[in-house]
Amino acid sequence: MVGHSTAGETSIDLALSDAVIEYIKYFQPSIFSLENVPNYKKFTSFANIISALESIGYWTKHKVLSSGDYGVPQVRKRLILLAAKHRIPMFPLQEDIIY
């Protein structure tokens, strides 16, 4: 979707979010995750995905994480969305990560 952290939302972002929503509604996986640049949380396409997930019974959580806090040798920040059909999704605790 977004290739640059300061890029604005495009028609491609909206079209891809529509395709993601179609996939979720058709397959209804028990869990779903999405990752993107932090700025994506301001986009209509992100809000549409969350709205679609919640409308069909998913619990959702999202936050911006630094990959370096989870054992990845970089400090890049990423927006992570977790969704689950039958339980509230939980992010791993940093202290639970085995390096």
PDB file of N, CA and C in Angstrom:
ATOM      1  N   MET A   1       0.824  -1.173   0.000  1.00  0.00           N
ATOM      2  CA  MET A   1       0.000   0.000   0.000  1.00  0.00           C
ATOM      3  C   MET A   1       0.876   1.247   0.000  1.00  0.00           C
ATOM      4  N   VAL A   2       1.182   1.806   1.140  1.00  0.00           N
ATOM      5  CA  VAL A   2       1.991   3.018   1.192  1.00  0.00           C
ATOM      6  C   VAL A   2       3.460   2.637   1.109  1.00  0.00           C
ATOM      7  N   GLY A   3       4.202   3.286   0.220  1.00  0.00           N
ATOM      8  CA  GLY A   3       5.601   2.965   0.085  1.00  0.00           C
ATOM      9  C   GLY A   3       6.523   3.952   0.781  1.00  0.00           C
ATOM     10  N   HIS A   4       6.011   5.078   1.191  1.00  0.00           N
ATOM     11  CA  HIS A   4       6.828   6.103   1.824  1.00  0.00           C
ATOM     12  C   HIS A   4       6.091   6.624   3.044  1.00  0.00           C
ATOM     13  N   SER A   5       6.822   6.822   4.131  1.00  0.00           N
ATOM     14  CA  SER A   5       6.183   7.163   5.403  1.00  0.00           C
ATOM     15  C   SER A   5       5.460   8.499   5.398  1.00  0.00           C
ATOM     16  N   THR A   6       5.812   9.407   4.490  1.00  0.00           N
ATOM     17  CA  THR A   6       5.128  10.707   4.454  1.00  0.00           C
ATOM     18  C   THR A   6       4.178  10.821   3.270  1.00  0.00           C
ATOM     19  N   ALA A   7       4.023   9.764   2.512  1.00  0.00           N
ATOM     20  CA  ALA A   7       3.126   9.789   1.352  1.00  0.00           C
ATOM     21  C   ALA A   7       1.678   9.899   1.813  1.00  0.00           C
ATOM     22  N   GLY A   8       0.863  10.532   0.994  1.00  0.00           N
ATOM     23  CA  GLY A   8      -0.557  10.633   1.297  1.00  0.00           C
ATOM     24  C   GLY A   8      -1.313   9.441   0.746  1.00  0.00           C
ATOM     25  N   GLU A   9      -2.550   9.341   1.131  1.00  0.00           N
ATOM     26  CA  GLU A   9      -3.393   8.242   0.669  1.00  0.00           C
ATOM     27  C   GLU A   9      -3.692   8.403  -0.818  1.00  0.00           C
ATOM     28  N   THR A  10      -3.663   7.305  -1.533  1.00  0.00           N
ATOM     29  CA  THR A  10      -3.924   7.307  -2.967  1.00  0.00           C
ATOM     30  C   THR A  10      -5.139   6.449  -3.293  1.00  0.00           C
ATOM     31  N   SER A  11      -5.585   6.527  -4.520  1.00  0.00           N
ATOM     32  CA  SER A  11      -6.693   5.676  -4.959  1.00  0.00           C
ATOM     33  C   SER A  11      -6.286   4.207  -4.902  1.00  0.00           C
ATOM     34  N   ILE A  12      -5.002   3.924  -5.068  1.00  0.00           N
ATOM     35  CA  ILE A  12      -4.518   2.541  -4.957  1.00  0.00           C
ATOM     36  C   ILE A  12      -4.664   2.044  -3.525  1.00  0.00           C
ATOM     37  N   ASP A  13      -4.351   2.895  -2.535  1.00  0.00           N
ATOM     38  CA  ASP A  13      -4.530   2.510  -1.129  1.00  0.00           C
ATOM     39  C   ASP A  13      -5.987   2.127  -0.872  1.00  0.00           C
ATOM     40  N   LEU A  14      -6.898   2.942  -1.379  1.00  0.00           N
ATOM     41  CA  LEU A  14      -8.329   2.674  -1.164  1.00  0.00           C
ATOM     42  C   LEU A  14      -8.767   1.395  -1.881  1.00  0.00           C
ATOM     43  N   ALA A  15      -8.292   1.195  -3.106  1.00  0.00           N
ATOM     44  CA  ALA A  15      -8.647  -0.016  -3.848  1.00  0.00           C
ATOM     45  C   ALA A  15      -8.090  -1.260  -3.160  1.00  0.00           C
ATOM     46  N   LEU A  16      -6.848  -1.175  -2.674  1.00  0.00           N
ATOM     47  CA  LEU A  16      -6.265  -2.323  -1.973  1.00  0.00           C
ATOM     48  C   LEU A  16      -6.987  -2.609  -0.657  1.00  0.00           C
ATOM     49  N   SER A  17      -7.404  -1.564   0.049  1.00  0.00           N
ATOM     50  CA  SER A  17      -8.142  -1.810   1.292  1.00  0.00           C
ATOM     51  C   SER A  17      -9.491  -2.462   0.984  1.00  0.00           C
ATOM     52  N   ASP A  18     -10.113  -2.077  -0.116  1.00  0.00           N
ATOM     53  CA  ASP A  18     -11.366  -2.739  -0.523  1.00  0.00           C
ATOM     54  C   ASP A  18     -11.125  -4.217  -0.798  1.00  0.00           C
ATOM     55  N   ALA A  19      -9.999  -4.544  -1.438  1.00  0.00           N
ATOM     56  CA  ALA A  19      -9.675  -5.950  -1.715  1.00  0.00           C
ATOM     57  C   ALA A  19      -9.404  -6.716  -0.420  1.00  0.00           C
ATOM     58  N   VAL A  20      -8.721  -6.078   0.527  1.00  0.00           N
ATOM     59  CA  VAL A  20      -8.468  -6.704   1.835  1.00  0.00           C
ATOM     60  C   VAL A  20      -9.800  -6.984   2.532  1.00  0.00           C
ATOM     61  N   ILE A  21     -10.692  -6.030   2.492  1.00  0.00           N
ATOM     62  CA  ILE A  21     -12.007  -6.189   3.131  1.00  0.00           C
ATOM     63  C   ILE A  21     -12.788  -7.329   2.482  1.00  0.00           C
ATOM     64  N   GLU A  22     -12.759  -7.415   1.153  1.00  0.00           N
ATOM     65  CA  GLU A  22     -13.433  -8.528   0.464  1.00  0.00           C
ATOM     66  C   GLU A  22     -12.862  -9.869   0.906  1.00  0.00           C
ATOM     67  N   TYR A  23     -11.537  -9.949   0.996  1.00  0.00           N
ATOM     68  CA  TYR A  23     -10.872 -11.164   1.444  1.00  0.00           C
ATOM     69  C   TYR A  23     -11.335 -11.549   2.846  1.00  0.00           C
ATOM     70  N   ILE A  24     -11.302 -10.586   3.766  1.00  0.00           N
ATOM     71  CA  ILE A  24     -11.688 -10.855   5.150  1.00  0.00           C
ATOM     72  C   ILE A  24     -13.130 -11.332   5.223  1.00  0.00           C
ATOM     73  N   LYS A  25     -14.022 -10.641   4.524  1.00  0.00           N
ATOM     74  CA  LYS A  25     -15.439 -11.017   4.576  1.00  0.00           C
ATOM     75  C   LYS A  25     -15.689 -12.394   3.970  1.00  0.00           C
ATOM     76  N   TYR A  26     -14.951 -12.736   2.921  1.00  0.00           N
ATOM     77  CA  TYR A  26     -15.157 -14.026   2.266  1.00  0.00           C
ATOM     78  C   TYR A  26     -14.581 -15.171   3.084  1.00  0.00           C
ATOM     79  N   PHE A  27     -13.312 -15.050   3.491  1.00  0.00           N
ATOM     80  CA  PHE A  27     -12.633 -16.154   4.172  1.00  0.00           C
ATOM     81  C   PHE A  27     -12.818 -16.146   5.683  1.00  0.00           C
ATOM     82  N   GLN A  28     -13.050 -14.991   6.274  1.00  0.00           N
ATOM     83  CA  GLN A  28     -13.203 -14.832   7.714  1.00  0.00           C
ATOM     84  C   GLN A  28     -12.183 -15.661   8.507  1.00  0.00           C
ATOM     85  N   PRO A  29     -10.897 -15.340   8.319  1.00  0.00           N
ATOM     86  CA  PRO A  29      -9.869 -16.070   9.065  1.00  0.00           C
ATOM     87  C   PRO A  29     -10.029 -15.838  10.566  1.00  0.00           C
ATOM     88  N   SER A  30      -9.582 -16.781  11.366  1.00  0.00           N
ATOM     89  CA  SER A  30      -9.736 -16.622  12.812  1.00  0.00           C
ATOM     90  C   SER A  30      -8.865 -15.479  13.343  1.00  0.00           C
ATOM     91  N   ILE A  31      -7.731 -15.234  12.674  1.00  0.00           N
ATOM     92  CA  ILE A  31      -6.885 -14.094  13.035  1.00  0.00           C
ATOM     93  C   ILE A  31      -6.466 -13.366  11.756  1.00  0.00           C
ATOM     94  N   PHE A  32      -6.155 -12.105  11.902  1.00  0.00           N
ATOM     95  CA  PHE A  32      -5.729 -11.277  10.774  1.00  0.00           C
ATOM     96  C   PHE A  32      -4.725 -10.264  11.288  1.00  0.00           C
ATOM     97  N   SER A  33      -3.692  -9.993  10.500  1.00  0.00           N
ATOM     98  CA  SER A  33      -2.730  -8.945  10.876  1.00  0.00           C
ATOM     99  C   SER A  33      -2.390  -8.119   9.649  1.00  0.00           C
ATOM    100  N   LEU A  34      -2.012  -6.886   9.911  1.00  0.00           N
ATOM    101  CA  LEU A  34      -1.630  -5.958   8.859  1.00  0.00           C
ATOM    102  C   LEU A  34      -0.504  -5.101   9.400  1.00  0.00           C
ATOM    103  N   GLU A  35       0.457  -4.765   8.551  1.00  0.00           N
ATOM    104  CA  GLU A  35       1.559  -3.892   8.965  1.00  0.00           C
ATOM    105  C   GLU A  35       1.773  -2.862   7.889  1.00  0.00           C
ATOM    106  N   ASN A  36       2.094  -1.643   8.339  1.00  0.00           N
ATOM    107  CA  ASN A  36       2.330  -0.557   7.404  1.00  0.00           C
ATOM    108  C   ASN A  36       3.109   0.542   8.121  1.00  0.00           C
ATOM    109  N   VAL A  37       3.369   1.630   7.415  1.00  0.00           N
ATOM    110  CA  VAL A  37       4.036   2.779   8.029  1.00  0.00           C
ATOM    111  C   VAL A  37       3.096   3.425   9.047  1.00  0.00           C
ATOM    112  N   PRO A  38       3.644   4.060  10.083  1.00  0.00           N
ATOM    113  CA  PRO A  38       2.795   4.664  11.118  1.00  0.00           C
ATOM    114  C   PRO A  38       1.749   5.650  10.592  1.00  0.00           C
ATOM    115  N   ASN A  39       2.078   6.397   9.551  1.00  0.00           N
ATOM    116  CA  ASN A  39       1.151   7.387   9.003  1.00  0.00           C
ATOM    117  C   ASN A  39      -0.128   6.757   8.436  1.00  0.00           C
ATOM    118  N   TYR A  40      -0.079   5.471   8.128  1.00  0.00           N
ATOM    119  CA  TYR A  40      -1.244   4.774   7.564  1.00  0.00           C
ATOM    120  C   TYR A  40      -2.441   4.812   8.508  1.00  0.00           C
ATOM    121  N   LYS A  41      -2.202   4.950   9.807  1.00  0.00           N
ATOM    122  CA  LYS A  41      -3.314   4.978  10.764  1.00  0.00           C
ATOM    123  C   LYS A  41      -4.213   6.190  10.559  1.00  0.00           C
ATOM    124  N   LYS A  42      -3.744   7.208   9.820  1.00  0.00           N
ATOM    125  CA  LYS A  42      -4.550   8.401   9.538  1.00  0.00           C
ATOM    126  C   LYS A  42      -5.404   8.252   8.282  1.00  0.00           C
ATOM    127  N   PHE A  43      -5.228   7.171   7.557  1.00  0.00           N
ATOM    128  CA  PHE A  43      -5.878   7.003   6.261  1.00  0.00           C
ATOM    129  C   PHE A  43      -7.297   6.439   6.381  1.00  0.00           C
ATOM    130  N   THR A  44      -8.138   6.853   5.473  1.00  0.00           N
ATOM    131  CA  THR A  44      -9.498   6.316   5.375  1.00  0.00           C
ATOM    132  C   THR A  44      -9.456   4.815   5.115  1.00  0.00           C
ATOM    133  N   SER A  45      -8.515   4.371   4.302  1.00  0.00           N
ATOM    134  CA  SER A  45      -8.427   2.946   3.990  1.00  0.00           C
ATOM    135  C   SER A  45      -8.187   2.111   5.247  1.00  0.00           C
ATOM    136  N   PHE A  46      -7.368   2.597   6.168  1.00  0.00           N
ATOM    137  CA  PHE A  46      -7.134   1.881   7.430  1.00  0.00           C
ATOM    138  C   PHE A  46      -8.401   1.866   8.275  1.00  0.00           C
ATOM    139  N   ALA A  47      -9.063   3.008   8.373  1.00  0.00           N
ATOM    140  CA  ALA A  47     -10.322   3.086   9.129  1.00  0.00           C
ATOM    141  C   ALA A  47     -11.365   2.148   8.523  1.00  0.00           C
ATOM    142  N   ASN A  48     -11.399   2.046   7.202  1.00  0.00           N
ATOM    143  CA  ASN A  48     -12.364   1.154   6.539  1.00  0.00           C
ATOM    144  C   ASN A  48     -12.094  -0.307   6.877  1.00  0.00           C
ATOM    145  N   ILE A  49     -10.827  -0.682   6.927  1.00  0.00           N
ATOM    146  CA  ILE A  49     -10.480  -2.066   7.269  1.00  0.00           C
ATOM    147  C   ILE A  49     -10.904  -2.372   8.700  1.00  0.00           C
ATOM    148  N   ILE A  50     -10.597  -1.483   9.625  1.00  0.00           N
ATOM    149  CA  ILE A  50     -10.992  -1.696  11.019  1.00  0.00           C
ATOM    150  C   ILE A  50     -12.511  -1.770  11.141  1.00  0.00           C
ATOM    151  N   SER A  51     -13.203  -0.870  10.491  1.00  0.00           N
ATOM    152  CA  SER A  51     -14.669  -0.856  10.543  1.00  0.00           C
ATOM    153  C   SER A  51     -15.253  -2.167  10.002  1.00  0.00           C
ATOM    154  N   ALA A  52     -14.705  -2.642   8.898  1.00  0.00           N
ATOM    155  CA  ALA A  52     -15.190  -3.894   8.318  1.00  0.00           C
ATOM    156  C   ALA A  52     -14.933  -5.069   9.256  1.00  0.00           C
ATOM    157  N   LEU A  53     -13.733  -5.121   9.831  1.00  0.00           N
ATOM    158  CA  LEU A  53     -13.419  -6.197  10.775  1.00  0.00           C
ATOM    159  C   LEU A  53     -14.389  -6.194  11.947  1.00  0.00           C
ATOM    160  N   GLU A  54     -14.595  -5.040  12.545  1.00  0.00           N
ATOM    161  CA  GLU A  54     -15.464  -4.957  13.724  1.00  0.00           C
ATOM    162  C   GLU A  54     -16.921  -5.230  13.372  1.00  0.00           C
ATOM    163  N   SER A  55     -17.337  -4.873  12.166  1.00  0.00           N
ATOM    164  CA  SER A  55     -18.737  -5.094  11.772  1.00  0.00           C
ATOM    165  C   SER A  55     -19.079  -6.570  11.612  1.00  0.00           C
ATOM    166  N   ILE A  56     -18.057  -7.411  11.402  1.00  0.00           N
ATOM    167  CA  ILE A  56     -18.328  -8.847  11.271  1.00  0.00           C
ATOM    168  C   ILE A  56     -17.800  -9.638  12.467  1.00  0.00           C
ATOM    169  N   GLY A  57     -17.576  -8.938  13.573  1.00  0.00           N
ATOM    170  CA  GLY A  57     -17.325  -9.630  14.827  1.00  0.00           C
ATOM    171  C   GLY A  57     -15.885  -9.798  15.256  1.00  0.00           C
ATOM    172  N   TYR A  58     -14.953  -9.099  14.652  1.00  0.00           N
ATOM    173  CA  TYR A  58     -13.559  -9.195  15.066  1.00  0.00           C
ATOM    174  C   TYR A  58     -13.273  -8.207  16.189  1.00  0.00           C
ATOM    175  N   TRP A  59     -12.407  -8.611  17.091  1.00  0.00           N
ATOM    176  CA  TRP A  59     -11.807  -7.716  18.075  1.00  0.00           C
ATOM    177  C   TRP A  59     -10.555  -7.173  17.409  1.00  0.00           C
ATOM    178  N   THR A  60     -10.275  -5.895  17.563  1.00  0.00           N
ATOM    179  CA  THR A  60      -9.092  -5.323  16.930  1.00  0.00           C
ATOM    180  C   THR A  60      -8.256  -4.526  17.922  1.00  0.00           C
ATOM    181  N   LYS A  61      -6.960  -4.509  17.664  1.00  0.00           N
ATOM    182  CA  LYS A  61      -6.019  -3.653  18.391  1.00  0.00           C
ATOM    183  C   LYS A  61      -4.965  -3.226  17.391  1.00  0.00           C
ATOM    184  N   HIS A  62      -4.497  -2.006  17.532  1.00  0.00           N
ATOM    185  CA  HIS A  62      -3.396  -1.557  16.691  1.00  0.00           C
ATOM    186  C   HIS A  62      -2.520  -0.594  17.468  1.00  0.00           C
ATOM    187  N   LYS A  63      -1.250  -0.602  17.106  1.00  0.00           N
ATOM    188  CA  LYS A  63      -0.317   0.353  17.684  1.00  0.00           C
ATOM    189  C   LYS A  63       0.948   0.392  16.851  1.00  0.00           C
ATOM    190  N   VAL A  64       1.727   1.436  17.076  1.00  0.00           N
ATOM    191  CA  VAL A  64       2.998   1.602  16.405  1.00  0.00           C
ATOM    192  C   VAL A  64       4.080   0.980  17.286  1.00  0.00           C
ATOM    193  N   LEU A  65       4.852   0.089  16.681  1.00  0.00           N
ATOM    194  CA  LEU A  65       5.912  -0.610  17.406  1.00  0.00           C
ATOM    195  C   LEU A  65       7.252  -0.342  16.732  1.00  0.00           C
ATOM    196  N   SER A  66       8.301  -0.367  17.510  1.00  0.00           N
ATOM    197  CA  SER A  66       9.655  -0.312  16.980  1.00  0.00           C
ATOM    198  C   SER A  66      10.157  -1.743  16.882  1.00  0.00           C
ATOM    199  N   SER A  67      10.530  -2.151  15.693  1.00  0.00           N
ATOM    200  CA  SER A  67      10.967  -3.534  15.501  1.00  0.00           C
ATOM    201  C   SER A  67      12.198  -3.872  16.348  1.00  0.00           C
ATOM    202  N   GLY A  68      13.012  -2.861  16.663  1.00  0.00           N
ATOM    203  CA  GLY A  68      14.182  -3.096  17.502  1.00  0.00           C
ATOM    204  C   GLY A  68      13.839  -3.564  18.902  1.00  0.00           C
ATOM    205  N   ASP A  69      12.635  -3.231  19.366  1.00  0.00           N
ATOM    206  CA  ASP A  69      12.193  -3.671  20.689  1.00  0.00           C
ATOM    207  C   ASP A  69      11.810  -5.144  20.720  1.00  0.00           C
ATOM    208  N   TYR A  70      11.769  -5.781  19.534  1.00  0.00           N
ATOM    209  CA  TYR A  70      11.351  -7.175  19.441  1.00  0.00           C
ATOM    210  C   TYR A  70      12.417  -8.055  18.795  1.00  0.00           C
ATOM    211  N   GLY A  71      13.681  -7.646  18.944  1.00  0.00           N
ATOM    212  CA  GLY A  71      14.780  -8.484  18.501  1.00  0.00           C
ATOM    213  C   GLY A  71      15.217  -8.305  17.060  1.00  0.00           C
ATOM    214  N   VAL A  72      14.581  -7.419  16.316  1.00  0.00           N
ATOM    215  CA  VAL A  72      14.972  -7.169  14.932  1.00  0.00           C
ATOM    216  C   VAL A  72      16.118  -6.151  14.947  1.00  0.00           C
ATOM    217  N   PRO A  73      17.181  -6.390  14.185  1.00  0.00           N
ATOM    218  CA  PRO A  73      18.337  -5.475  14.237  1.00  0.00           C
ATOM    219  C   PRO A  73      18.114  -4.171  13.452  1.00  0.00           C
ATOM    220  N   GLN A  74      17.065  -3.457  13.802  1.00  0.00           N
ATOM    221  CA  GLN A  74      16.778  -2.142  13.229  1.00  0.00           C
ATOM    222  C   GLN A  74      15.791  -1.427  14.149  1.00  0.00           C
ATOM    223  N   VAL A  75      15.624  -0.150  13.963  1.00  0.00           N
ATOM    224  CA  VAL A  75      14.726   0.609  14.840  1.00  0.00           C
ATOM    225  C   VAL A  75      13.523   1.175  14.078  1.00  0.00           C
ATOM    226  N   ARG A  76      13.230   0.609  12.953  1.00  0.00           N
ATOM    227  CA  ARG A  76      12.124   1.074  12.122  1.00  0.00           C
ATOM    228  C   ARG A  76      10.795   0.920  12.850  1.00  0.00           C
ATOM    229  N   LYS A  77       9.992   1.945  12.827  1.00  0.00           N
ATOM    230  CA  LYS A  77       8.665   1.900  13.445  1.00  0.00           C
ATOM    231  C   LYS A  77       7.646   1.446  12.410  1.00  0.00           C
ATOM    232  N   ARG A  78       6.714   0.595  12.857  1.00  0.00           N
ATOM    233  CA  ARG A  78       5.678   0.064  11.976  1.00  0.00           C
ATOM    234  C   ARG A  78       4.341   0.089  12.702  1.00  0.00           C
ATOM    235  N   LEU A  79       3.287   0.371  11.953  1.00  0.00           N
ATOM    236  CA  LEU A  79       1.931   0.266  12.462  1.00  0.00           C
ATOM    237  C   LEU A  79       1.515  -1.188  12.319  1.00  0.00           C
ATOM    238  N   ILE A  80       1.077  -1.784  13.398  1.00  0.00           N
ATOM    239  CA  ILE A  80       0.639  -3.180  13.399  1.00  0.00           C
ATOM    240  C   ILE A  80      -0.832  -3.225  13.819  1.00  0.00           C
ATOM    241  N   LEU A  81      -1.637  -3.897  13.009  1.00  0.00           N
ATOM    242  CA  LEU A  81      -3.043  -4.147  13.337  1.00  0.00           C
ATOM    243  C   LEU A  81      -3.191  -5.639  13.577  1.00  0.00           C
ATOM    244  N   LEU A  82      -3.759  -6.000  14.707  1.00  0.00           N
ATOM    245  CA  LEU A  82      -4.091  -7.392  15.013  1.00  0.00           C
ATOM    246  C   LEU A  82      -5.601  -7.492  15.156  1.00  0.00           C
ATOM    247  N   ALA A  83      -6.165  -8.549  14.615  1.00  0.00           N
ATOM    248  CA  ALA A  83      -7.604  -8.775  14.734  1.00  0.00           C
ATOM    249  C   ALA A  83      -7.837 -10.265  14.967  1.00  0.00           C
ATOM    250  N   ALA A  84      -8.812 -10.567  15.807  1.00  0.00           N
ATOM    251  CA  ALA A  84      -9.140 -11.964  16.108  1.00  0.00           C
ATOM    252  C   ALA A  84     -10.639 -12.120  16.220  1.00  0.00           C
ATOM    253  N   LYS A  85     -11.126 -13.243  15.749  1.00  0.00           N
ATOM    254  CA  LYS A  85     -12.567 -13.506  15.712  1.00  0.00           C
ATOM    255  C   LYS A  85     -13.122 -13.884  17.084  1.00  0.00           C
ATOM    256  N   HIS A  86     -12.377 -14.649  17.868  1.00  0.00           N
ATOM    257  CA  HIS A  86     -12.947 -15.230  19.087  1.00  0.00           C
ATOM    258  C   HIS A  86     -12.286 -14.773  20.383  1.00  0.00           C
ATOM    259  N   ARG A  87     -11.372 -13.828  20.271  1.00  0.00           N
ATOM    260  CA  ARG A  87     -10.714 -13.336  21.481  1.00  0.00           C
ATOM    261  C   ARG A  87     -10.094 -11.977  21.199  1.00  0.00           C
ATOM    262  N   ILE A  88      -9.788 -11.254  22.248  1.00  0.00           N
ATOM    263  CA  ILE A  88      -9.121  -9.968  22.102  1.00  0.00           C
ATOM    264  C   ILE A  88      -7.665 -10.235  21.748  1.00  0.00           C
ATOM    265  N   PRO A  89      -7.172  -9.691  20.643  1.00  0.00           N
ATOM    266  CA  PRO A  89      -5.774  -9.942  20.283  1.00  0.00           C
ATOM    267  C   PRO A  89      -4.822  -9.232  21.239  1.00  0.00           C
ATOM    268  N   MET A  90      -3.687  -9.848  21.454  1.00  0.00           N
ATOM    269  CA  MET A  90      -2.697  -9.297  22.375  1.00  0.00           C
ATOM    270  C   MET A  90      -1.354  -9.167  21.659  1.00  0.00           C
ATOM    271  N   PHE A  91      -0.682  -8.059  21.883  1.00  0.00           N
ATOM    272  CA  PHE A  91       0.672  -7.881  21.386  1.00  0.00           C
ATOM    273  C   PHE A  91       1.623  -8.607  22.331  1.00  0.00           C
ATOM    274  N   PRO A  92       2.697  -9.198  21.807  1.00  0.00           N
ATOM    275  CA  PRO A  92       3.663  -9.841  22.705  1.00  0.00           C
ATOM    276  C   PRO A  92       4.344  -8.795  23.581  1.00  0.00           C
ATOM    277  N   LEU A  93       4.633  -9.172  24.797  1.00  0.00           N
ATOM    278  CA  LEU A  93       5.377  -8.290  25.692  1.00  0.00           C
ATOM    279  C   LEU A  93       6.842  -8.337  25.310  1.00  0.00           C
ATOM    280  N   GLN A  94       7.502  -7.220  25.401  1.00  0.00           N
ATOM    281  CA  GLN A  94       8.920  -7.172  25.035  1.00  0.00           C
ATOM    282  C   GLN A  94       9.743  -8.145  25.858  1.00  0.00           C
ATOM    283  N   GLU A  95       9.405  -8.304  27.132  1.00  0.00           N
ATOM    284  CA  GLU A  95      10.187  -9.202  27.979  1.00  0.00           C
ATOM    285  C   GLU A  95       9.944 -10.677  27.655  1.00  0.00           C
ATOM    286  N   ASP A  96       8.909 -10.990  26.862  1.00  0.00           N
ATOM    287  CA  ASP A  96       8.643 -12.367  26.486  1.00  0.00           C
ATOM    288  C   ASP A  96       9.399 -12.784  25.221  1.00  0.00           C
ATOM    289  N   ILE A  97      10.078 -11.853  24.572  1.00  0.00           N
ATOM    290  CA  ILE A  97      10.802 -12.136  23.347  1.00  0.00           C
ATOM    291  C   ILE A  97      12.127 -12.808  23.685  1.00  0.00           C
ATOM    292  N   ILE A  98      12.400 -13.943  23.041  1.00  0.00           N
ATOM    293  CA  ILE A  98      13.649 -14.664  23.227  1.00  0.00           C
ATOM    294  C   ILE A  98      14.594 -14.264  22.112  1.00  0.00           C
ATOM    295  N   TYR A  99      15.751 -13.766  22.482  1.00  0.00           N
ATOM    296  CA  TYR A  99      16.734 -13.305  21.476  1.00  0.00           C
ATOM    297  C   TYR A  99      17.741 -14.376  21.182  1.00  0.00           C
TER     298      TYR A  99
END
